[in-house]
């Protein structure tokens, strides 16, 4: 069993696997949020219903480059933990004591702003474990901030 993180990157235009994509808009990410039988390889398909986008039906709010509720894996990022000869984490290491593998997915946003907002609301929920990073001052940054703020204790 493997514990993995996932990052979903949004682009204006997504190229085929192995090709570049155009104009990154931002990303949603969750570290160590998933358990899998194995770490998927680049090009393999990742089921979107495993994220936080609803049932096994076709998720809304995403653009797809393949048929069905899947996105191809674009990158697999390995973050090993350096250890000494005794197997202890080295003193200079100031990050997680556990290794991390992250799967990176690329998508476009839905052309329907209501569907995209509904999808982002699921990721912004306080119990979701997801974080968002969007270019500061953009429409997506303002939308993410609004959705996160709606769930803050001061808003309730």
Protein backbone atom coordinates (compact mmCIF):
# COMPACT_ATOMS: atom_id res chain seq x y z
CA UNK A 1 0.00 0.00 0.00
CA UNK A 2 1.31 3.47 -0.89
CA UNK A 3 0.37 6.81 0.65
CA UNK A 4 0.39 9.55 -1.99
CA UNK A 5 -0.35 13.22 -2.38
CA UNK A 6 -2.13 14.75 -5.36
CA UNK A 7 -1.76 18.12 -7.07
CA UNK A 8 -4.26 19.20 -9.72
CA UNK A 9 -2.86 21.96 -11.91
CA UNK A 10 -5.21 24.13 -13.97
CA UNK A 11 -4.12 25.42 -17.38
CA UNK A 12 -5.81 27.44 -20.09
CA UNK A 13 -4.79 24.75 -22.58
CA UNK A 14 -3.59 21.23 -21.76
CA UNK A 15 -1.22 19.45 -24.14
CA UNK A 16 -0.96 15.70 -24.54
CA UNK A 17 1.08 13.74 -21.98
CA UNK A 18 4.72 14.61 -22.58
CA UNK A 19 3.88 17.91 -24.27
CA UNK A 20 3.77 21.32 -22.64
CA UNK A 21 0.57 22.96 -21.46
CA UNK A 22 -0.18 26.67 -21.79
CA UNK A 23 -0.73 29.33 -19.12
CA UNK A 24 -0.96 27.76 -15.67
CA UNK A 25 -3.87 29.26 -13.71
CA UNK A 26 -3.17 27.67 -10.33
CA UNK A 27 -3.39 24.40 -8.46
CA UNK A 28 -5.17 22.44 -5.75
CA UNK A 29 -3.08 20.07 -3.66
CA UNK A 30 -3.34 17.62 -0.81
CA UNK A 31 -0.28 15.92 0.63
CA UNK A 32 -0.58 12.37 1.99
CA UNK A 33 -4.29 12.33 1.37
CA UNK A 34 -4.63 9.09 -0.52
CA UNK A 35 -3.95 5.39 -0.18
CA UNK A 36 -3.27 3.37 -3.32
CA UNK A 37 -2.17 -0.11 -4.29
CA UNK A 38 0.79 1.41 -6.13
CA UNK A 39 2.10 4.79 -7.24
CA UNK A 40 0.73 5.44 -10.73
CA UNK A 41 3.20 6.12 -13.51
CA UNK A 42 3.18 9.04 -15.93
CA UNK A 43 0.47 8.45 -18.52
CA UNK A 44 -1.64 6.14 -16.35
CA UNK A 45 -5.17 7.26 -15.57
CA UNK A 46 -6.25 8.64 -12.19
CA UNK A 47 -9.94 8.40 -11.25
CA UNK A 48 -11.24 11.86 -10.33
CA UNK A 49 -13.98 10.53 -8.08
CA UNK A 50 -11.13 9.59 -5.69
CA UNK A 51 -10.57 13.30 -5.17
CA UNK A 52 -13.36 15.40 -3.70
CA UNK A 53 -15.60 15.93 -6.66
CA UNK A 54 -18.61 13.78 -5.91
CA UNK A 55 -19.79 10.34 -6.87
CA UNK A 56 -18.39 7.97 -9.48
CA UNK A 57 -20.40 9.84 -12.09
CA UNK A 58 -18.47 12.15 -14.40
CA UNK A 59 -17.15 14.96 -12.19
CA UNK A 60 -18.08 18.50 -13.11
CA UNK A 61 -15.88 21.57 -13.12
CA UNK A 62 -12.89 19.92 -14.84
CA UNK A 63 -11.90 19.79 -18.46
CA UNK A 64 -10.92 16.34 -19.74
CA UNK A 65 -8.23 15.20 -22.13
CA UNK A 66 -9.44 11.58 -22.13
CA UNK A 67 -12.96 10.12 -22.04
CA UNK A 68 -14.51 9.33 -18.68
CA UNK A 69 -13.89 10.51 -15.14
CA UNK A 70 -10.10 10.20 -15.41
CA UNK A 71 -7.08 12.42 -15.94
CA UNK A 72 -3.70 11.09 -17.04
CA UNK A 73 -0.83 11.38 -14.56
CA UNK A 74 1.55 14.09 -15.83
CA UNK A 75 4.32 13.76 -13.25
CA UNK A 76 5.26 11.73 -10.20
CA UNK A 77 7.28 13.69 -7.64
CA UNK A 78 9.33 11.80 -5.08
CA UNK A 79 10.42 13.53 -1.87
CA UNK A 80 12.69 11.07 -0.01
CA UNK A 81 13.93 11.75 3.51
CA UNK A 82 17.73 11.77 3.89
CA UNK A 83 19.03 9.43 6.60
CA UNK A 84 22.38 8.69 8.23
CA UNK A 85 24.13 5.29 8.39
CA UNK A 86 21.93 4.25 11.33
CA UNK A 87 18.67 4.99 9.54
CA UNK A 88 17.93 8.20 11.46
CA UNK A 89 16.79 11.38 9.73
CA UNK A 90 19.82 13.66 9.32
CA UNK A 91 19.94 16.73 11.58
CA UNK A 92 19.97 19.30 8.79
CA UNK A 93 16.69 17.99 7.33
CA UNK A 94 13.92 20.41 8.30
CA UNK A 95 11.01 18.98 6.37
CA UNK A 96 8.71 16.00 6.87
CA UNK A 97 10.14 12.96 8.62
CA UNK A 98 8.12 10.78 6.24
CA UNK A 99 8.84 10.38 2.53
CA UNK A 100 6.23 11.71 0.14
CA UNK A 101 5.17 10.78 -3.37
CA UNK A 102 2.90 13.21 -5.20
CA UNK A 103 0.96 12.59 -8.38
CA UNK A 104 0.44 15.62 -10.62
CA UNK A 105 -2.62 15.95 -12.86
CA UNK A 106 -3.31 18.68 -15.46
CA UNK A 107 -6.73 19.96 -16.41
CA UNK A 108 -8.55 22.99 -17.71
CA UNK A 109 -11.40 24.58 -15.86
CA UNK A 110 -14.95 23.97 -16.99
CA UNK A 111 -16.36 26.50 -19.43
CA UNK A 112 -19.40 26.75 -17.14
CA UNK A 113 -18.45 29.07 -14.23
CA UNK A 114 -21.23 27.60 -12.03
CA UNK A 115 -19.90 24.07 -12.42
CA UNK A 116 -16.35 25.22 -11.73
CA UNK A 117 -17.47 27.12 -8.61
CA UNK A 118 -19.38 24.06 -7.34
CA UNK A 119 -16.29 21.91 -7.85
CA UNK A 120 -14.02 24.42 -6.07
CA UNK A 121 -16.49 24.64 -3.15
CA UNK A 122 -15.97 20.92 -2.50
CA UNK A 123 -12.21 21.41 -2.35
CA UNK A 124 -12.52 24.53 -0.15
CA UNK A 125 -14.63 22.78 2.52
CA UNK A 126 -12.84 22.82 5.90
CA UNK A 127 -12.81 19.02 6.22
CA UNK A 128 -11.40 18.46 2.73
CA UNK A 129 -7.68 18.71 3.54
CA UNK A 130 -7.08 20.53 0.25
CA UNK A 131 -5.13 23.74 -0.31
CA UNK A 132 -5.26 26.05 -3.29
CA UNK A 133 -2.64 28.25 -4.90
CA UNK A 134 -3.71 30.66 -7.62
CA UNK A 135 -1.96 33.68 -9.09
CA UNK A 136 -2.49 36.57 -6.68
CA UNK A 137 -5.20 39.03 -7.64
CA UNK A 138 -6.74 36.82 -10.35
CA UNK A 139 -10.37 35.80 -10.58
CA UNK A 140 -9.49 32.28 -9.40
CA UNK A 141 -7.50 33.61 -6.43
CA UNK A 142 -10.46 35.79 -5.37
CA UNK A 143 -12.89 32.88 -5.82
CA UNK A 144 -10.70 30.49 -3.78
CA UNK A 145 -10.35 33.11 -1.02
CA UNK A 146 -14.10 33.74 -0.98
CA UNK A 147 -14.88 30.02 -0.72
CA UNK A 148 -12.29 29.43 2.04
CA UNK A 149 -13.47 32.53 3.95
CA UNK A 150 -17.08 31.33 3.76
CA UNK A 151 -16.05 28.37 5.93
CA UNK A 152 -13.94 30.31 8.44
CA UNK A 153 -15.16 30.48 12.09
CA UNK A 154 -15.77 34.23 11.76
CA UNK A 155 -18.17 33.63 8.84
CA UNK A 156 -20.23 31.03 10.67
